[in-house]
Amino acid sequence: MSLSIKYVPISVSKLETAIAFFKEQLGLEQTETSTLFQSEKQLIVKSLNGDTSFLLLESNTKQSPSKIVLKTDDCIKDYHTLSSRGVVFQTQPNYLNEGLSASFSDPFGNQYVLLEERSYVED
């Protein structure tokens, strides 16, 4: 059996606000509506290179925030690009064991980490 992740689900309280955040601030594109979960309004957005798709699920119930790590090739560049679009970061780019990272939240409290993977081990 070969399984992989198709969509990363993200709960939001208002779909219209989420669309604005994901399109205008994160630069993702809206691709289609979804009917995977019958009880909720839902929409699929994906990265411009098409390798990551998020399933935005409008829900009236209080849910625990999602925690999502976004892989980037240039954390500092993306930090400045997203900041210029109005994304408010909780941390500036800083070094972790995994690489260079910066974190932010969406309007619904979901937490994101930009991660530029780096190896600090000498060969």
PDB file of N, CA and C in Angstrom:
ATOM      1  N   MET A   1       0.846  -1.171   0.000  1.00  0.00           N
ATOM      2  CA  MET A   1       0.000   0.000   0.000  1.00  0.00           C
ATOM      3  C   MET A   1       0.892   1.235   0.000  1.00  0.00           C
ATOM      4  N   SER A   2       0.561   2.194  -0.826  1.00  0.00           N
ATOM      5  CA  SER A   2       1.310   3.443  -0.901  1.00  0.00           C
ATOM      6  C   SER A   2       0.391   4.587  -0.486  1.00  0.00           C
ATOM      7  N   LEU A   3       0.655   5.171   0.670  1.00  0.00           N
ATOM      8  CA  LEU A   3      -0.163   6.260   1.176  1.00  0.00           C
ATOM      9  C   LEU A   3       0.652   7.540   1.239  1.00  0.00           C
ATOM     10  N   SER A   4       0.011   8.650   0.955  1.00  0.00           N
ATOM     11  CA  SER A   4       0.652   9.951   1.113  1.00  0.00           C
ATOM     12  C   SER A   4      -0.419  10.960   1.499  1.00  0.00           C
ATOM     13  N   ILE A   5       0.002  12.103   1.974  1.00  0.00           N
ATOM     14  CA  ILE A   5      -0.947  13.134   2.383  1.00  0.00           C
ATOM     15  C   ILE A   5      -1.400  13.919   1.160  1.00  0.00           C
ATOM     16  N   LYS A   6      -2.696  14.009   0.973  1.00  0.00           N
ATOM     17  CA  LYS A   6      -3.286  14.745  -0.147  1.00  0.00           C
ATOM     18  C   LYS A   6      -3.543  16.205   0.240  1.00  0.00           C
ATOM     19  N   TYR A   7      -4.195  16.409   1.397  1.00  0.00           N
ATOM     20  CA  TYR A   7      -4.523  17.745   1.883  1.00  0.00           C
ATOM     21  C   TYR A   7      -4.133  17.860   3.354  1.00  0.00           C
ATOM     22  N   VAL A   8      -3.725  19.050   3.754  1.00  0.00           N
ATOM     23  CA  VAL A   8      -3.512  19.354   5.163  1.00  0.00           C
ATOM     24  C   VAL A   8      -4.755  20.119   5.619  1.00  0.00           C
ATOM     25  N   PRO A   9      -5.593  19.509   6.485  1.00  0.00           N
ATOM     26  CA  PRO A   9      -6.808  20.195   6.915  1.00  0.00           C
ATOM     27  C   PRO A   9      -6.504  21.283   7.944  1.00  0.00           C
ATOM     28  N   ILE A  10      -7.177  22.429   7.796  1.00  0.00           N
ATOM     29  CA  ILE A  10      -7.019  23.542   8.725  1.00  0.00           C
ATOM     30  C   ILE A  10      -8.411  24.052   9.071  1.00  0.00           C
ATOM     31  N   SER A  11      -8.749  24.043  10.365  1.00  0.00           N
ATOM     32  CA  SER A  11     -10.046  24.544  10.812  1.00  0.00           C
ATOM     33  C   SER A  11     -10.013  26.061  10.906  1.00  0.00           C
ATOM     34  N   VAL A  12     -11.047  26.683  10.379  1.00  0.00           N
ATOM     35  CA  VAL A  12     -11.184  28.139  10.425  1.00  0.00           C
ATOM     36  C   VAL A  12     -12.612  28.469  10.841  1.00  0.00           C
ATOM     37  N   SER A  13     -12.799  29.611  11.482  1.00  0.00           N
ATOM     38  CA  SER A  13     -14.149  29.981  11.912  1.00  0.00           C
ATOM     39  C   SER A  13     -14.911  30.733  10.828  1.00  0.00           C
ATOM     40  N   LYS A  14     -14.200  31.331   9.878  1.00  0.00           N
ATOM     41  CA  LYS A  14     -14.857  32.071   8.796  1.00  0.00           C
ATOM     42  C   LYS A  14     -14.078  31.844   7.509  1.00  0.00           C
ATOM     43  N   LEU A  15     -14.694  31.164   6.571  1.00  0.00           N
ATOM     44  CA  LEU A  15     -14.029  30.773   5.328  1.00  0.00           C
ATOM     45  C   LEU A  15     -13.584  31.980   4.504  1.00  0.00           C
ATOM     46  N   GLU A  16     -14.391  33.027   4.447  1.00  0.00           N
ATOM     47  CA  GLU A  16     -14.035  34.204   3.647  1.00  0.00           C
ATOM     48  C   GLU A  16     -12.762  34.869   4.168  1.00  0.00           C
ATOM     49  N   THR A  17     -12.624  34.979   5.489  1.00  0.00           N
ATOM     50  CA  THR A  17     -11.417  35.550   6.094  1.00  0.00           C
ATOM     51  C   THR A  17     -10.217  34.664   5.798  1.00  0.00           C
ATOM     52  N   ALA A  18     -10.420  33.358   5.864  1.00  0.00           N
ATOM     53  CA  ALA A  18      -9.333  32.414   5.580  1.00  0.00           C
ATOM     54  C   ALA A  18      -8.872  32.522   4.132  1.00  0.00           C
ATOM     55  N   ILE A  19      -9.814  32.649   3.210  1.00  0.00           N
ATOM     56  CA  ILE A  19      -9.456  32.778   1.794  1.00  0.00           C
ATOM     57  C   ILE A  19      -8.580  34.004   1.592  1.00  0.00           C
ATOM     58  N   ALA A  20      -8.971  35.122   2.197  1.00  0.00           N
ATOM     59  CA  ALA A  20      -8.182  36.354   2.068  1.00  0.00           C
ATOM     60  C   ALA A  20      -6.777  36.159   2.621  1.00  0.00           C
ATOM     61  N   PHE A  21      -6.653  35.535   3.787  1.00  0.00           N
ATOM     62  CA  PHE A  21      -5.341  35.326   4.395  1.00  0.00           C
ATOM     63  C   PHE A  21      -4.470  34.422   3.528  1.00  0.00           C
ATOM     64  N   PHE A  22      -4.998  33.293   3.115  1.00  0.00           N
ATOM     65  CA  PHE A  22      -4.200  32.330   2.356  1.00  0.00           C
ATOM     66  C   PHE A  22      -3.856  32.826   0.956  1.00  0.00           C
ATOM     67  N   LYS A  23      -4.748  33.567   0.332  1.00  0.00           N
ATOM     68  CA  LYS A  23      -4.472  34.076  -1.015  1.00  0.00           C
ATOM     69  C   LYS A  23      -3.626  35.343  -0.980  1.00  0.00           C
ATOM     70  N   GLU A  24      -4.065  36.347  -0.226  1.00  0.00           N
ATOM     71  CA  GLU A  24      -3.408  37.648  -0.262  1.00  0.00           C
ATOM     72  C   GLU A  24      -2.122  37.697   0.546  1.00  0.00           C
ATOM     73  N   GLN A  25      -2.099  37.048   1.696  1.00  0.00           N
ATOM     74  CA  GLN A  25      -0.917  37.146   2.543  1.00  0.00           C
ATOM     75  C   GLN A  25       0.078  36.011   2.308  1.00  0.00           C
ATOM     76  N   LEU A  26      -0.413  34.793   2.152  1.00  0.00           N
ATOM     77  CA  LEU A  26       0.509  33.673   1.927  1.00  0.00           C
ATOM     78  C   LEU A  26       0.779  33.417   0.453  1.00  0.00           C
ATOM     79  N   GLY A  27      -0.026  34.000  -0.436  1.00  0.00           N
ATOM     80  CA  GLY A  27       0.220  33.851  -1.867  1.00  0.00           C
ATOM     81  C   GLY A  27      -0.199  32.513  -2.446  1.00  0.00           C
ATOM     82  N   LEU A  28      -1.133  31.820  -1.786  1.00  0.00           N
ATOM     83  CA  LEU A  28      -1.623  30.548  -2.308  1.00  0.00           C
ATOM     84  C   LEU A  28      -2.771  30.813  -3.276  1.00  0.00           C
ATOM     85  N   GLU A  29      -3.117  29.814  -4.059  1.00  0.00           N
ATOM     86  CA  GLU A  29      -4.225  29.988  -5.000  1.00  0.00           C
ATOM     87  C   GLU A  29      -5.380  29.070  -4.638  1.00  0.00           C
ATOM     88  N   GLN A  30      -6.595  29.586  -4.804  1.00  0.00           N
ATOM     89  CA  GLN A  30      -7.806  28.811  -4.576  1.00  0.00           C
ATOM     90  C   GLN A  30      -7.992  27.891  -5.765  1.00  0.00           C
ATOM     91  N   THR A  31      -8.192  26.611  -5.505  1.00  0.00           N
ATOM     92  CA  THR A  31      -8.310  25.684  -6.618  1.00  0.00           C
ATOM     93  C   THR A  31      -9.723  25.154  -6.816  1.00  0.00           C
ATOM     94  N   GLU A  32     -10.390  24.803  -5.730  1.00  0.00           N
ATOM     95  CA  GLU A  32     -11.705  24.184  -5.880  1.00  0.00           C
ATOM     96  C   GLU A  32     -12.414  24.112  -4.542  1.00  0.00           C
ATOM     97  N   THR A  33     -13.713  23.863  -4.603  1.00  0.00           N
ATOM     98  CA  THR A  33     -14.455  23.568  -3.385  1.00  0.00           C
ATOM     99  C   THR A  33     -14.376  22.068  -3.156  1.00  0.00           C
ATOM    100  N   SER A  34     -14.718  21.664  -1.952  1.00  0.00           N
ATOM    101  CA  SER A  34     -14.623  20.250  -1.614  1.00  0.00           C
ATOM    102  C   SER A  34     -15.899  19.807  -0.915  1.00  0.00           C
ATOM    103  N   THR A  35     -16.184  18.518  -1.011  1.00  0.00           N
ATOM    104  CA  THR A  35     -17.322  17.927  -0.305  1.00  0.00           C
ATOM    105  C   THR A  35     -16.881  16.713   0.508  1.00  0.00           C
ATOM    106  N   LEU A  36     -15.599  16.675   0.886  1.00  0.00           N
ATOM    107  CA  LEU A  36     -15.092  15.527   1.636  1.00  0.00           C
ATOM    108  C   LEU A  36     -15.798  15.351   2.973  1.00  0.00           C
ATOM    109  N   PHE A  37     -16.072  16.447   3.652  1.00  0.00           N
ATOM    110  CA  PHE A  37     -16.745  16.405   4.950  1.00  0.00           C
ATOM    111  C   PHE A  37     -18.070  17.146   4.799  1.00  0.00           C
ATOM    112  N   GLN A  38     -19.166  16.424   4.894  1.00  0.00           N
ATOM    113  CA  GLN A  38     -20.479  16.975   4.568  1.00  0.00           C
ATOM    114  C   GLN A  38     -20.947  18.076   5.511  1.00  0.00           C
ATOM    115  N   SER A  39     -20.493  18.077   6.743  1.00  0.00           N
ATOM    116  CA  SER A  39     -21.054  19.004   7.722  1.00  0.00           C
ATOM    117  C   SER A  39     -20.413  20.390   7.699  1.00  0.00           C
ATOM    118  N   GLU A  40     -19.415  20.620   6.869  1.00  0.00           N
ATOM    119  CA  GLU A  40     -18.694  21.882   6.913  1.00  0.00           C
ATOM    120  C   GLU A  40     -18.514  22.482   5.525  1.00  0.00           C
ATOM    121  N   LYS A  41     -18.500  23.840   5.465  1.00  0.00           N
ATOM    122  CA  LYS A  41     -18.103  24.518   4.233  1.00  0.00           C
ATOM    123  C   LYS A  41     -16.600  24.318   4.095  1.00  0.00           C
ATOM    124  N   GLN A  42     -16.139  24.070   2.896  1.00  0.00           N
ATOM    125  CA  GLN A  42     -14.723  23.774   2.721  1.00  0.00           C
ATOM    126  C   GLN A  42     -14.215  24.219   1.363  1.00  0.00           C
ATOM    127  N   LEU A  43     -12.924  24.474   1.325  1.00  0.00           N
ATOM    128  CA  LEU A  43     -12.292  24.979   0.124  1.00  0.00           C
ATOM    129  C   LEU A  43     -10.847  24.501   0.104  1.00  0.00           C
ATOM    130  N   ILE A  44     -10.326  24.244  -1.081  1.00  0.00           N
ATOM    131  CA  ILE A  44      -8.940  23.800  -1.218  1.00  0.00           C
ATOM    132  C   ILE A  44      -8.110  24.943  -1.784  1.00  0.00           C
ATOM    133  N   VAL A  45      -6.972  25.214  -1.137  1.00  0.00           N
ATOM    134  CA  VAL A  45      -5.995  26.172  -1.654  1.00  0.00           C
ATOM    135  C   VAL A  45      -4.667  25.439  -1.760  1.00  0.00           C
ATOM    136  N   LYS A  46      -3.837  25.852  -2.717  1.00  0.00           N
ATOM    137  CA  LYS A  46      -2.550  25.171  -2.868  1.00  0.00           C
ATOM    138  C   LYS A  46      -1.456  26.174  -3.146  1.00  0.00           C
ATOM    139  N   SER A  47      -0.224  25.745  -2.875  1.00  0.00           N
ATOM    140  CA  SER A  47       0.940  26.587  -3.139  1.00  0.00           C
ATOM    141  C   SER A  47       1.095  26.769  -4.641  1.00  0.00           C
ATOM    142  N   LEU A  48       1.773  27.841  -5.030  1.00  0.00           N
ATOM    143  CA  LEU A  48       1.910  28.137  -6.452  1.00  0.00           C
ATOM    144  C   LEU A  48       2.672  27.057  -7.207  1.00  0.00           C
ATOM    145  N   ASN A  49       3.598  26.366  -6.528  1.00  0.00           N
ATOM    146  CA  ASN A  49       4.310  25.282  -7.205  1.00  0.00           C
ATOM    147  C   ASN A  49       3.507  23.985  -7.188  1.00  0.00           C
ATOM    148  N   GLY A  50       2.363  23.988  -6.486  1.00  0.00           N
ATOM    149  CA  GLY A  50       1.441  22.862  -6.527  1.00  0.00           C
ATOM    150  C   GLY A  50       1.786  21.678  -5.661  1.00  0.00           C
ATOM    151  N   ASP A  51       2.833  21.772  -4.836  1.00  0.00           N
ATOM    152  CA  ASP A  51       3.219  20.590  -4.063  1.00  0.00           C
ATOM    153  C   ASP A  51       2.532  20.486  -2.703  1.00  0.00           C
ATOM    154  N   THR A  52       1.836  21.529  -2.261  1.00  0.00           N
ATOM    155  CA  THR A  52       1.134  21.481  -0.982  1.00  0.00           C
ATOM    156  C   THR A  52      -0.275  22.026  -1.147  1.00  0.00           C
ATOM    157  N   SER A  53      -1.255  21.266  -0.649  1.00  0.00           N
ATOM    158  CA  SER A  53      -2.650  21.710  -0.694  1.00  0.00           C
ATOM    159  C   SER A  53      -3.231  21.693   0.711  1.00  0.00           C
ATOM    160  N   PHE A  54      -3.950  22.758   1.036  1.00  0.00           N
ATOM    161  CA  PHE A  54      -4.609  22.869   2.332  1.00  0.00           C
ATOM    162  C   PHE A  54      -6.112  22.776   2.121  1.00  0.00           C
ATOM    163  N   LEU A  55      -6.774  22.038   2.991  1.00  0.00           N
ATOM    164  CA  LEU A  55      -8.226  21.926   2.976  1.00  0.00           C
ATOM    165  C   LEU A  55      -8.747  22.802   4.107  1.00  0.00           C
ATOM    166  N   LEU A  56      -9.298  23.971   3.757  1.00  0.00           N
ATOM    167  CA  LEU A  56      -9.834  24.896   4.748  1.00  0.00           C
ATOM    168  C   LEU A  56     -11.236  24.449   5.118  1.00  0.00           C
ATOM    169  N   LEU A  57     -11.454  24.183   6.401  1.00  0.00           N
ATOM    170  CA  LEU A  57     -12.738  23.678   6.885  1.00  0.00           C
ATOM    171  C   LEU A  57     -13.375  24.706   7.805  1.00  0.00           C
ATOM    172  N   GLU A  58     -14.508  25.260   7.390  1.00  0.00           N
ATOM    173  CA  GLU A  58     -15.208  26.208   8.256  1.00  0.00           C
ATOM    174  C   GLU A  58     -15.958  25.429   9.320  1.00  0.00           C
ATOM    175  N   SER A  59     -15.718  25.788  10.573  1.00  0.00           N
ATOM    176  CA  SER A  59     -16.336  25.071  11.676  1.00  0.00           C
ATOM    177  C   SER A  59     -16.779  26.062  12.741  1.00  0.00           C
ATOM    178  N   ASN A  60     -17.963  25.841  13.297  1.00  0.00           N
ATOM    179  CA  ASN A  60     -18.468  26.696  14.367  1.00  0.00           C
ATOM    180  C   ASN A  60     -18.012  26.229  15.736  1.00  0.00           C
ATOM    181  N   THR A  61     -17.472  25.030  15.822  1.00  0.00           N
ATOM    182  CA  THR A  61     -17.026  24.510  17.108  1.00  0.00           C
ATOM    183  C   THR A  61     -15.573  24.902  17.351  1.00  0.00           C
ATOM    184  N   LYS A  62     -15.246  25.136  18.612  1.00  0.00           N
ATOM    185  CA  LYS A  62     -13.889  25.510  18.988  1.00  0.00           C
ATOM    186  C   LYS A  62     -12.993  24.285  18.850  1.00  0.00           C
ATOM    187  N   GLN A  63     -11.923  24.424  18.075  1.00  0.00           N
ATOM    188  CA  GLN A  63     -10.998  23.321  17.839  1.00  0.00           C
ATOM    189  C   GLN A  63      -9.608  23.719  18.322  1.00  0.00           C
ATOM    190  N   SER A  64      -8.796  22.741  18.628  1.00  0.00           N
ATOM    191  CA  SER A  64      -7.400  23.032  18.959  1.00  0.00           C
ATOM    192  C   SER A  64      -6.707  23.548  17.708  1.00  0.00           C
ATOM    193  N   PRO A  65      -5.847  24.557  17.861  1.00  0.00           N
ATOM    194  CA  PRO A  65      -5.152  25.087  16.684  1.00  0.00           C
ATOM    195  C   PRO A  65      -4.248  24.041  16.038  1.00  0.00           C
ATOM    196  N   SER A  66      -4.146  24.115  14.731  1.00  0.00           N
ATOM    197  CA  SER A  66      -3.221  23.246  13.998  1.00  0.00           C
ATOM    198  C   SER A  66      -1.812  23.795  14.127  1.00  0.00           C
ATOM    199  N   LYS A  67      -0.834  22.923  14.025  1.00  0.00           N
ATOM    200  CA  LYS A  67       0.576  23.303  14.007  1.00  0.00           C
ATOM    201  C   LYS A  67       1.163  22.751  12.714  1.00  0.00           C
ATOM    202  N   ILE A  68       1.652  23.650  11.863  1.00  0.00           N
ATOM    203  CA  ILE A  68       2.083  23.262  10.527  1.00  0.00           C
ATOM    204  C   ILE A  68       3.477  23.796  10.259  1.00  0.00           C
ATOM    205  N   VAL A  69       4.353  22.933   9.759  1.00  0.00           N
ATOM    206  CA  VAL A  69       5.707  23.338   9.381  1.00  0.00           C
ATOM    207  C   VAL A  69       5.744  23.460   7.862  1.00  0.00           C
ATOM    208  N   LEU A  70       6.120  24.644   7.380  1.00  0.00           N
ATOM    209  CA  LEU A  70       6.215  24.914   5.949  1.00  0.00           C
ATOM    210  C   LEU A  70       7.680  24.936   5.546  1.00  0.00           C
ATOM    211  N   LYS A  71       8.063  24.058   4.650  1.00  0.00           N
ATOM    212  CA  LYS A  71       9.446  24.001   4.180  1.00  0.00           C
ATOM    213  C   LYS A  71       9.698  25.137   3.193  1.00  0.00           C
ATOM    214  N   THR A  72      10.828  25.822   3.357  1.00  0.00           N
ATOM    215  CA  THR A  72      11.203  26.903   2.462  1.00  0.00           C
ATOM    216  C   THR A  72      12.670  26.763   2.069  1.00  0.00           C
ATOM    217  N   ASP A  73      13.019  27.314   0.917  1.00  0.00           N
ATOM    218  CA  ASP A  73      14.419  27.325   0.487  1.00  0.00           C
ATOM    219  C   ASP A  73      15.153  28.548   1.008  1.00  0.00           C
ATOM    220  N   ASP A  74      14.402  29.586   1.420  1.00  0.00           N
ATOM    221  CA  ASP A  74      15.020  30.831   1.879  1.00  0.00           C
ATOM    222  C   ASP A  74      14.136  31.461   2.950  1.00  0.00           C
ATOM    223  N   CYS A  75      14.397  31.120   4.199  1.00  0.00           N
ATOM    224  CA  CYS A  75      13.574  31.572   5.317  1.00  0.00           C
ATOM    225  C   CYS A  75      13.572  33.096   5.438  1.00  0.00           C
ATOM    226  N   ILE A  76      14.728  33.715   5.313  1.00  0.00           N
ATOM    227  CA  ILE A  76      14.816  35.169   5.484  1.00  0.00           C
ATOM    228  C   ILE A  76      14.042  35.892   4.383  1.00  0.00           C
ATOM    229  N   LYS A  77      14.200  35.456   3.154  1.00  0.00           N
ATOM    230  CA  LYS A  77      13.470  36.078   2.038  1.00  0.00           C
ATOM    231  C   LYS A  77      11.965  35.928   2.234  1.00  0.00           C
ATOM    232  N   ASP A  78      11.507  34.710   2.558  1.00  0.00           N
ATOM    233  CA  ASP A  78      10.079  34.480   2.744  1.00  0.00           C
ATOM    234  C   ASP A  78       9.546  35.231   3.963  1.00  0.00           C
ATOM    235  N   TYR A  79      10.348  35.341   5.006  1.00  0.00           N
ATOM    236  CA  TYR A  79       9.975  36.126   6.187  1.00  0.00           C
ATOM    237  C   TYR A  79       9.675  37.570   5.778  1.00  0.00           C
ATOM    238  N   HIS A  80      10.560  38.172   4.997  1.00  0.00           N
ATOM    239  CA  HIS A  80      10.365  39.558   4.568  1.00  0.00           C
ATOM    240  C   HIS A  80       9.198  39.693   3.587  1.00  0.00           C
ATOM    241  N   THR A  81       9.052  38.738   2.674  1.00  0.00           N
ATOM    242  CA  THR A  81       7.933  38.771   1.726  1.00  0.00           C
ATOM    243  C   THR A  81       6.601  38.702   2.462  1.00  0.00           C
ATOM    244  N   LEU A  82       6.471  37.738   3.369  1.00  0.00           N
ATOM    245  CA  LEU A  82       5.213  37.579   4.102  1.00  0.00           C
ATOM    246  C   LEU A  82       4.959  38.756   5.034  1.00  0.00           C
ATOM    247  N   SER A  83       6.008  39.270   5.664  1.00  0.00           N
ATOM    248  CA  SER A  83       5.856  40.448   6.532  1.00  0.00           C
ATOM    249  C   SER A  83       5.327  41.633   5.738  1.00  0.00           C
ATOM    250  N   SER A  84       5.832  41.814   4.519  1.00  0.00           N
ATOM    251  CA  SER A  84       5.381  42.937   3.683  1.00  0.00           C
ATOM    252  C   SER A  84       3.922  42.781   3.259  1.00  0.00           C
ATOM    253  N   ARG A  85       3.403  41.557   3.311  1.00  0.00           N
ATOM    254  CA  ARG A  85       1.993  41.303   2.977  1.00  0.00           C
ATOM    255  C   ARG A  85       1.087  41.385   4.202  1.00  0.00           C
ATOM    256  N   GLY A  86       1.676  41.689   5.361  1.00  0.00           N
ATOM    257  CA  GLY A  86       0.877  41.846   6.573  1.00  0.00           C
ATOM    258  C   GLY A  86       0.874  40.668   7.517  1.00  0.00           C
ATOM    259  N   VAL A  87       1.630  39.611   7.227  1.00  0.00           N
ATOM    260  CA  VAL A  87       1.725  38.484   8.151  1.00  0.00           C
ATOM    261  C   VAL A  87       2.535  38.939   9.362  1.00  0.00           C
ATOM    262  N   VAL A  88       1.996  38.699  10.557  1.00  0.00           N
ATOM    263  CA  VAL A  88       2.672  39.090  11.794  1.00  0.00           C
ATOM    264  C   VAL A  88       3.377  37.862  12.365  1.00  0.00           C
ATOM    265  N   PHE A  89       4.679  37.953  12.493  1.00  0.00           N
ATOM    266  CA  PHE A  89       5.484  36.840  12.991  1.00  0.00           C
ATOM    267  C   PHE A  89       5.647  36.917  14.504  1.00  0.00           C
ATOM    268  N   GLN A  90       5.612  35.764  15.172  1.00  0.00           N
ATOM    269  CA  GLN A  90       5.895  35.691  16.597  1.00  0.00           C
ATOM    270  C   GLN A  90       7.401  35.643  16.844  1.00  0.00           C
ATOM    271  N   THR A  91       8.146  35.090  15.883  1.00  0.00           N
ATOM    272  CA  THR A  91       9.610  35.054  16.008  1.00  0.00           C
ATOM    273  C   THR A  91      10.237  35.510  14.704  1.00  0.00           C
ATOM    274  N   GLN A  92      11.359  36.178  14.825  1.00  0.00           N
ATOM    275  CA  GLN A  92      12.168  36.509  13.657  1.00  0.00           C
ATOM    276  C   GLN A  92      12.948  35.255  13.279  1.00  0.00           C
ATOM    277  N   PRO A  93      13.528  35.223  12.076  1.00  0.00           N
ATOM    278  CA  PRO A  93      14.332  34.054  11.716  1.00  0.00           C
ATOM    279  C   PRO A  93      15.412  33.787  12.769  1.00  0.00           C
ATOM    280  N   ASN A  94      15.465  32.534  13.201  1.00  0.00           N
ATOM    281  CA  ASN A  94      16.458  32.132  14.203  1.00  0.00           C
ATOM    282  C   ASN A  94      16.896  30.708  13.929  1.00  0.00           C
ATOM    283  N   TYR A  95      18.039  30.367  14.473  1.00  0.00           N
ATOM    284  CA  TYR A  95      18.634  29.062  14.213  1.00  0.00           C
ATOM    285  C   TYR A  95      18.172  28.033  15.233  1.00  0.00           C
ATOM    286  N   LEU A  96      17.747  26.885  14.731  1.00  0.00           N
ATOM    287  CA  LEU A  96      17.400  25.715  15.531  1.00  0.00           C
ATOM    288  C   LEU A  96      18.271  24.561  15.059  1.00  0.00           C
ATOM    289  N   ASN A  97      18.212  23.453  15.744  1.00  0.00           N
ATOM    290  CA  ASN A  97      18.957  22.270  15.293  1.00  0.00           C
ATOM    291  C   ASN A  97      18.542  21.852  13.887  1.00  0.00           C
ATOM    292  N   GLU A  98      17.268  22.064  13.547  1.00  0.00           N
ATOM    293  CA  GLU A  98      16.736  21.639  12.257  1.00  0.00           C
ATOM    294  C   GLU A  98      17.075  22.600  11.125  1.00  0.00           C
ATOM    295  N   GLY A  99      17.409  23.848  11.468  1.00  0.00           N
ATOM    296  CA  GLY A  99      17.709  24.846  10.448  1.00  0.00           C
ATOM    297  C   GLY A  99      17.249  26.222  10.872  1.00  0.00           C
ATOM    298  N   LEU A 100      17.065  27.086   9.900  1.00  0.00           N
ATOM    299  CA  LEU A 100      16.641  28.463  10.136  1.00  0.00           C
ATOM    300  C   LEU A 100      15.114  28.510  10.112  1.00  0.00           C
ATOM    301  N   SER A 101      14.505  29.135  11.132  1.00  0.00           N
ATOM    302  CA  SER A 101      13.043  29.119  11.214  1.00  0.00           C
ATOM    303  C   SER A 101      12.492  30.460  11.680  1.00  0.00           C
ATOM    304  N   ALA A 102      11.222  30.684  11.377  1.00  0.00           N
ATOM    305  CA  ALA A 102      10.455  31.831  11.863  1.00  0.00           C
ATOM    306  C   ALA A 102       9.009  31.370  11.991  1.00  0.00           C
ATOM    307  N   SER A 103       8.297  31.868  13.002  1.00  0.00           N
ATOM    308  CA  SER A 103       6.931  31.387  13.216  1.00  0.00           C
ATOM    309  C   SER A 103       5.911  32.518  13.184  1.00  0.00           C
ATOM    310  N   PHE A 104       4.692  32.162  12.745  1.00  0.00           N
ATOM    311  CA  PHE A 104       3.572  33.095  12.689  1.00  0.00           C
ATOM    312  C   PHE A 104       2.274  32.329  12.894  1.00  0.00           C
ATOM    313  N   SER A 105       1.183  33.059  13.084  1.00  0.00           N
ATOM    314  CA  SER A 105      -0.144  32.460  13.230  1.00  0.00           C
ATOM    315  C   SER A 105      -1.082  33.058  12.193  1.00  0.00           C
ATOM    316  N   ASP A 106      -2.146  32.318  11.872  1.00  0.00           N
ATOM    317  CA  ASP A 106      -3.179  32.869  10.999  1.00  0.00           C
ATOM    318  C   ASP A 106      -4.242  33.541  11.873  1.00  0.00           C
ATOM    319  N   PRO A 107      -5.241  34.171  11.288  1.00  0.00           N
ATOM    320  CA  PRO A 107      -6.259  34.861  12.090  1.00  0.00           C
ATOM    321  C   PRO A 107      -7.082  33.940  12.995  1.00  0.00           C
ATOM    322  N   PHE A 108      -6.942  32.632  12.843  1.00  0.00           N
ATOM    323  CA  PHE A 108      -7.728  31.674  13.613  1.00  0.00           C
ATOM    324  C   PHE A 108      -6.917  30.977  14.700  1.00  0.00           C
ATOM    325  N   GLY A 109      -5.659  31.385  14.882  1.00  0.00           N
ATOM    326  CA  GLY A 109      -4.816  30.816  15.929  1.00  0.00           C
ATOM    327  C   GLY A 109      -3.996  29.615  15.507  1.00  0.00           C
ATOM    328  N   ASN A 110      -4.127  29.163  14.259  1.00  0.00           N
ATOM    329  CA  ASN A 110      -3.287  28.066  13.784  1.00  0.00           C
ATOM    330  C   ASN A 110      -1.853  28.568  13.692  1.00  0.00           C
ATOM    331  N   GLN A 111      -0.903  27.726  14.073  1.00  0.00           N
ATOM    332  CA  GLN A 111       0.496  28.130  14.148  1.00  0.00           C
ATOM    333  C   GLN A 111       1.294  27.523  13.005  1.00  0.00           C
ATOM    334  N   TYR A 112       2.190  28.346  12.434  1.00  0.00           N
ATOM    335  CA  TYR A 112       3.011  27.940  11.301  1.00  0.00           C
ATOM    336  C   TYR A 112       4.471  28.228  11.603  1.00  0.00           C
ATOM    337  N   VAL A 113       5.337  27.353  11.129  1.00  0.00           N
ATOM    338  CA  VAL A 113       6.776  27.574  11.214  1.00  0.00           C
ATOM    339  C   VAL A 113       7.335  27.486   9.802  1.00  0.00           C
ATOM    340  N   LEU A 114       8.013  28.543   9.362  1.00  0.00           N
ATOM    341  CA  LEU A 114       8.797  28.468   8.125  1.00  0.00           C
ATOM    342  C   LEU A 114      10.093  27.782   8.500  1.00  0.00           C
ATOM    343  N   LEU A 115      10.505  26.775   7.767  1.00  0.00           N
ATOM    344  CA  LEU A 115      11.741  26.064   8.080  1.00  0.00           C
ATOM    345  C   LEU A 115      12.599  25.909   6.838  1.00  0.00           C
ATOM    346  N   GLU A 116      13.789  26.474   6.917  1.00  0.00           N
ATOM    347  CA  GLU A 116      14.815  26.264   5.897  1.00  0.00           C
ATOM    348  C   GLU A 116      15.775  25.246   6.488  1.00  0.00           C
ATOM    349  N   GLU A 117      15.675  24.013   6.024  1.00  0.00           N
ATOM    350  CA  GLU A 117      16.501  22.951   6.594  1.00  0.00           C
ATOM    351  C   GLU A 117      17.973  23.212   6.301  1.00  0.00           C
ATOM    352  N   ARG A 118      18.774  23.055   7.342  1.00  0.00           N
ATOM    353  CA  ARG A 118      20.219  23.242   7.211  1.00  0.00           C
ATOM    354  C   ARG A 118      20.924  22.189   8.047  1.00  0.00           C
ATOM    355  N   SER A 119      22.077  21.793   7.587  1.00  0.00           N
ATOM    356  CA  SER A 119      22.907  20.865   8.350  1.00  0.00           C
ATOM    357  C   SER A 119      24.069  21.645   8.936  1.00  0.00           C
ATOM    358  N   TYR A 120      24.230  21.536  10.240  1.00  0.00           N
ATOM    359  CA  TYR A 120      25.315  22.241  10.917  1.00  0.00           C
ATOM    360  C   TYR A 120      26.461  21.292  11.266  1.00  0.00           C
ATOM    361  N   VAL A 121      26.436  20.114  10.673  1.00  0.00           N
ATOM    362  CA  VAL A 121      27.466  19.112  10.934  1.00  0.00           C
ATOM    363  C   VAL A 121      28.578  19.268   9.908  1.00  0.00           C
ATOM    364  N   GLU A 122      29.797  19.340  10.392  1.00  0.00           N
ATOM    365  CA  GLU A 122      30.933  19.437   9.472  1.00  0.00           C
ATOM    366  C   GLU A 122      31.229  18.065   8.885  1.00  0.00           C
ATOM    367  N   ASP A 123      31.572  18.055   7.615  1.00  0.00           N
ATOM    368  CA  ASP A 123      31.903  16.787   6.947  1.00  0.00           C
ATOM    369  C   ASP A 123      33.320  16.371   7.237  1.00  0.00           C
TER     370      ASP A 123
END
